[in-house]
Amino acid sequence: MVLTTQEESLISVIRGLSPAEAHKALDWARQFADLAGERPIDWSDSWTDQDLLEATAASVRHFEDQEQALR
């Protein structure tokens, strides 16, 4: 498999973390992938205002779901 420059950079960063921090970062990435569902993920370096709004809304929903599960 051929990796892009960005993928190689991400792997390098993850490898530089402690095992616990690497696990957290990978969990975070999986959560983003789950949010995308079947839609392709745009890995561009810049986020639009709409991207930020959608990420914020998804984060709030996830937090609320976790809070609800604890009750």
N, C-alpha and C. Protein backbone atom coordinates (compact mmCIF):
# COMPACT_ATOMS: atom_id res chain seq x y z
N MET A 1 0.85 -1.17 0.00
CA MET A 1 0.00 0.00 0.00
C MET A 1 0.90 1.24 0.00
N VAL A 2 0.55 2.18 -0.85
CA VAL A 2 1.29 3.44 -0.93
C VAL A 2 0.57 4.48 -0.09
N LEU A 3 1.32 5.12 0.79
CA LEU A 3 0.75 6.14 1.66
C LEU A 3 1.02 7.53 1.10
N THR A 4 0.08 8.43 1.37
CA THR A 4 0.29 9.82 1.00
C THR A 4 1.24 10.46 2.02
N THR A 5 1.72 11.63 1.69
CA THR A 5 2.60 12.37 2.61
C THR A 5 1.89 12.64 3.93
N GLN A 6 0.61 12.99 3.86
CA GLN A 6 -0.16 13.27 5.08
C GLN A 6 -0.32 12.01 5.92
N GLU A 7 -0.56 10.86 5.27
CA GLU A 7 -0.70 9.61 6.01
C GLU A 7 0.61 9.23 6.69
N GLU A 8 1.71 9.41 5.98
CA GLU A 8 3.02 9.13 6.57
C GLU A 8 3.29 10.05 7.76
N SER A 9 2.91 11.30 7.63
CA SER A 9 3.09 12.26 8.71
C SER A 9 2.26 11.86 9.93
N LEU A 10 1.04 11.45 9.70
CA LEU A 10 0.16 11.03 10.81
C LEU A 10 0.74 9.81 11.51
N ILE A 11 1.21 8.85 10.76
CA ILE A 11 1.81 7.66 11.36
C ILE A 11 3.03 8.03 12.19
N SER A 12 3.83 8.94 11.68
CA SER A 12 5.02 9.39 12.41
C SER A 12 4.63 10.03 13.74
N VAL A 13 3.61 10.86 13.71
CA VAL A 13 3.15 11.51 14.94
C VAL A 13 2.63 10.48 15.94
N ILE A 14 1.82 9.55 15.48
CA ILE A 14 1.25 8.52 16.37
C ILE A 14 2.37 7.69 16.99
N ARG A 15 3.36 7.32 16.20
CA ARG A 15 4.48 6.51 16.71
C ARG A 15 5.28 7.26 17.77
N GLY A 16 5.27 8.57 17.74
CA GLY A 16 6.01 9.37 18.71
C GLY A 16 5.30 9.53 20.04
N LEU A 17 4.05 9.10 20.11
CA LEU A 17 3.28 9.25 21.35
C LEU A 17 3.50 8.05 22.27
N SER A 18 3.20 8.26 23.53
CA SER A 18 3.20 7.12 24.46
C SER A 18 2.08 6.17 24.05
N PRO A 19 2.15 4.90 24.43
CA PRO A 19 1.09 3.97 24.06
C PRO A 19 -0.31 4.44 24.47
N ALA A 20 -0.43 5.02 25.65
CA ALA A 20 -1.74 5.48 26.11
C ALA A 20 -2.25 6.64 25.25
N GLU A 21 -1.37 7.59 24.94
CA GLU A 21 -1.76 8.74 24.13
C GLU A 21 -2.04 8.31 22.69
N ALA A 22 -1.27 7.37 22.17
CA ALA A 22 -1.52 6.85 20.81
C ALA A 22 -2.89 6.19 20.75
N HIS A 23 -3.24 5.45 21.78
CA HIS A 23 -4.56 4.81 21.84
C HIS A 23 -5.67 5.86 21.82
N LYS A 24 -5.50 6.93 22.58
CA LYS A 24 -6.50 8.01 22.60
C LYS A 24 -6.63 8.64 21.22
N ALA A 25 -5.50 8.91 20.57
CA ALA A 25 -5.54 9.53 19.24
C ALA A 25 -6.22 8.62 18.23
N LEU A 26 -5.94 7.33 18.28
CA LEU A 26 -6.57 6.39 17.36
C LEU A 26 -8.07 6.26 17.62
N ASP A 27 -8.46 6.27 18.89
CA ASP A 27 -9.89 6.25 19.22
C ASP A 27 -10.59 7.48 18.66
N TRP A 28 -9.94 8.62 18.77
CA TRP A 28 -10.50 9.87 18.25
C TRP A 28 -10.67 9.78 16.74
N ALA A 29 -9.66 9.26 16.06
CA ALA A 29 -9.75 9.11 14.61
C ALA A 29 -10.87 8.15 14.22
N ARG A 30 -11.04 7.07 14.97
CA ARG A 30 -12.13 6.12 14.70
C ARG A 30 -13.49 6.79 14.89
N GLN A 31 -13.60 7.64 15.90
CA GLN A 31 -14.87 8.35 16.12
C GLN A 31 -15.19 9.25 14.94
N PHE A 32 -14.19 9.93 14.40
CA PHE A 32 -14.41 10.76 13.21
C PHE A 32 -14.84 9.90 12.03
N ALA A 33 -14.21 8.75 11.87
CA ALA A 33 -14.56 7.86 10.76
C ALA A 33 -16.00 7.37 10.93
N ASP A 34 -16.39 7.06 12.17
CA ASP A 34 -17.77 6.62 12.43
C ASP A 34 -18.77 7.72 12.09
N LEU A 35 -18.41 8.97 12.40
CA LEU A 35 -19.29 10.09 12.09
C LEU A 35 -19.48 10.25 10.58
N ALA A 36 -18.45 9.92 9.83
CA ALA A 36 -18.52 10.06 8.37
C ALA A 36 -19.43 9.00 7.75
N GLY A 37 -19.58 7.88 8.43
CA GLY A 37 -20.40 6.81 7.88
C GLY A 37 -19.82 6.33 6.56
N GLU A 38 -20.64 6.26 5.56
CA GLU A 38 -20.21 5.80 4.24
C GLU A 38 -19.71 6.94 3.35
N ARG A 39 -19.80 8.16 3.85
CA ARG A 39 -19.35 9.32 3.05
C ARG A 39 -17.84 9.39 3.03
N PRO A 40 -17.27 9.83 1.92
CA PRO A 40 -15.82 9.99 1.89
C PRO A 40 -15.40 11.12 2.83
N ILE A 41 -14.23 10.97 3.40
CA ILE A 41 -13.70 11.99 4.31
C ILE A 41 -12.78 12.90 3.52
N ASP A 42 -12.99 14.20 3.64
CA ASP A 42 -12.12 15.18 3.00
C ASP A 42 -10.99 15.48 3.97
N TRP A 43 -9.79 15.09 3.60
CA TRP A 43 -8.64 15.23 4.49
C TRP A 43 -7.88 16.52 4.22
N SER A 44 -8.55 17.53 3.70
CA SER A 44 -7.85 18.78 3.42
C SER A 44 -7.35 19.41 4.72
N ASP A 45 -6.41 20.31 4.57
CA ASP A 45 -5.79 20.93 5.74
C ASP A 45 -6.63 22.05 6.34
N SER A 46 -7.67 22.48 5.65
CA SER A 46 -8.46 23.58 6.19
C SER A 46 -9.91 23.16 6.36
N TRP A 47 -10.51 23.68 7.40
CA TRP A 47 -11.90 23.38 7.69
C TRP A 47 -12.73 24.62 7.37
N THR A 48 -13.86 24.39 6.75
CA THR A 48 -14.77 25.50 6.49
C THR A 48 -15.57 25.78 7.76
N ASP A 49 -16.27 26.89 7.78
CA ASP A 49 -17.15 27.20 8.91
C ASP A 49 -18.20 26.11 9.07
N GLN A 50 -18.70 25.59 7.94
CA GLN A 50 -19.70 24.51 7.99
C GLN A 50 -19.10 23.25 8.61
N ASP A 51 -17.86 22.93 8.27
CA ASP A 51 -17.18 21.77 8.86
C ASP A 51 -17.12 21.91 10.38
N LEU A 52 -16.75 23.10 10.84
CA LEU A 52 -16.64 23.34 12.27
C LEU A 52 -17.99 23.23 12.97
N LEU A 53 -19.02 23.75 12.33
CA LEU A 53 -20.37 23.64 12.90
C LEU A 53 -20.81 22.19 13.00
N GLU A 54 -20.56 21.41 11.94
CA GLU A 54 -20.96 20.01 11.94
C GLU A 54 -20.17 19.21 12.97
N ALA A 55 -18.87 19.48 13.09
CA ALA A 55 -18.05 18.78 14.07
C ALA A 55 -18.49 19.12 15.49
N THR A 56 -18.80 20.38 15.73
CA THR A 56 -19.27 20.80 17.04
C THR A 56 -20.60 20.13 17.38
N ALA A 57 -21.53 20.13 16.44
CA ALA A 57 -22.84 19.51 16.67
C ALA A 57 -22.69 18.01 16.94
N ALA A 58 -21.84 17.35 16.18
CA ALA A 58 -21.63 15.91 16.38
C ALA A 58 -21.00 15.65 17.74
N SER A 59 -20.07 16.50 18.14
CA SER A 59 -19.44 16.35 19.44
C SER A 59 -20.45 16.52 20.57
N VAL A 60 -21.30 17.51 20.46
CA VAL A 60 -22.33 17.75 21.48
C VAL A 60 -23.28 16.56 21.53
N ARG A 61 -23.71 16.06 20.37
CA ARG A 61 -24.61 14.89 20.35
C ARG A 61 -23.95 13.69 21.02
N HIS A 62 -22.68 13.46 20.70
CA HIS A 62 -21.95 12.33 21.29
C HIS A 62 -21.88 12.49 22.81
N PHE A 63 -21.55 13.69 23.27
CA PHE A 63 -21.48 13.95 24.71
C PHE A 63 -22.83 13.72 25.37
N GLU A 64 -23.89 14.23 24.76
CA GLU A 64 -25.23 14.05 25.32
C GLU A 64 -25.63 12.58 25.35
N ASP A 65 -25.27 11.83 24.31
CA ASP A 65 -25.56 10.39 24.29
C ASP A 65 -24.84 9.67 25.42
N GLN A 66 -23.58 10.05 25.66
CA GLN A 66 -22.83 9.43 26.74
C GLN A 66 -23.44 9.78 28.11
N GLU A 67 -23.83 11.03 28.26
CA GLU A 67 -24.46 11.44 29.52
C GLU A 67 -25.78 10.70 29.75
N GLN A 68 -26.56 10.53 28.69
CA GLN A 68 -27.83 9.84 28.78
C GLN A 68 -27.61 8.36 29.15
N ALA A 69 -26.58 7.75 28.61
CA ALA A 69 -26.27 6.35 28.88
C ALA A 69 -25.88 6.14 30.34
N LEU A 70 -25.32 7.17 30.96
CA LEU A 70 -24.89 7.07 32.35
C LEU A 70 -26.05 7.20 33.34
N ARG A 71 -27.15 7.68 32.85
CA ARG A 71 -28.29 7.90 33.77
C ARG A 71 -29.11 6.68 33.95
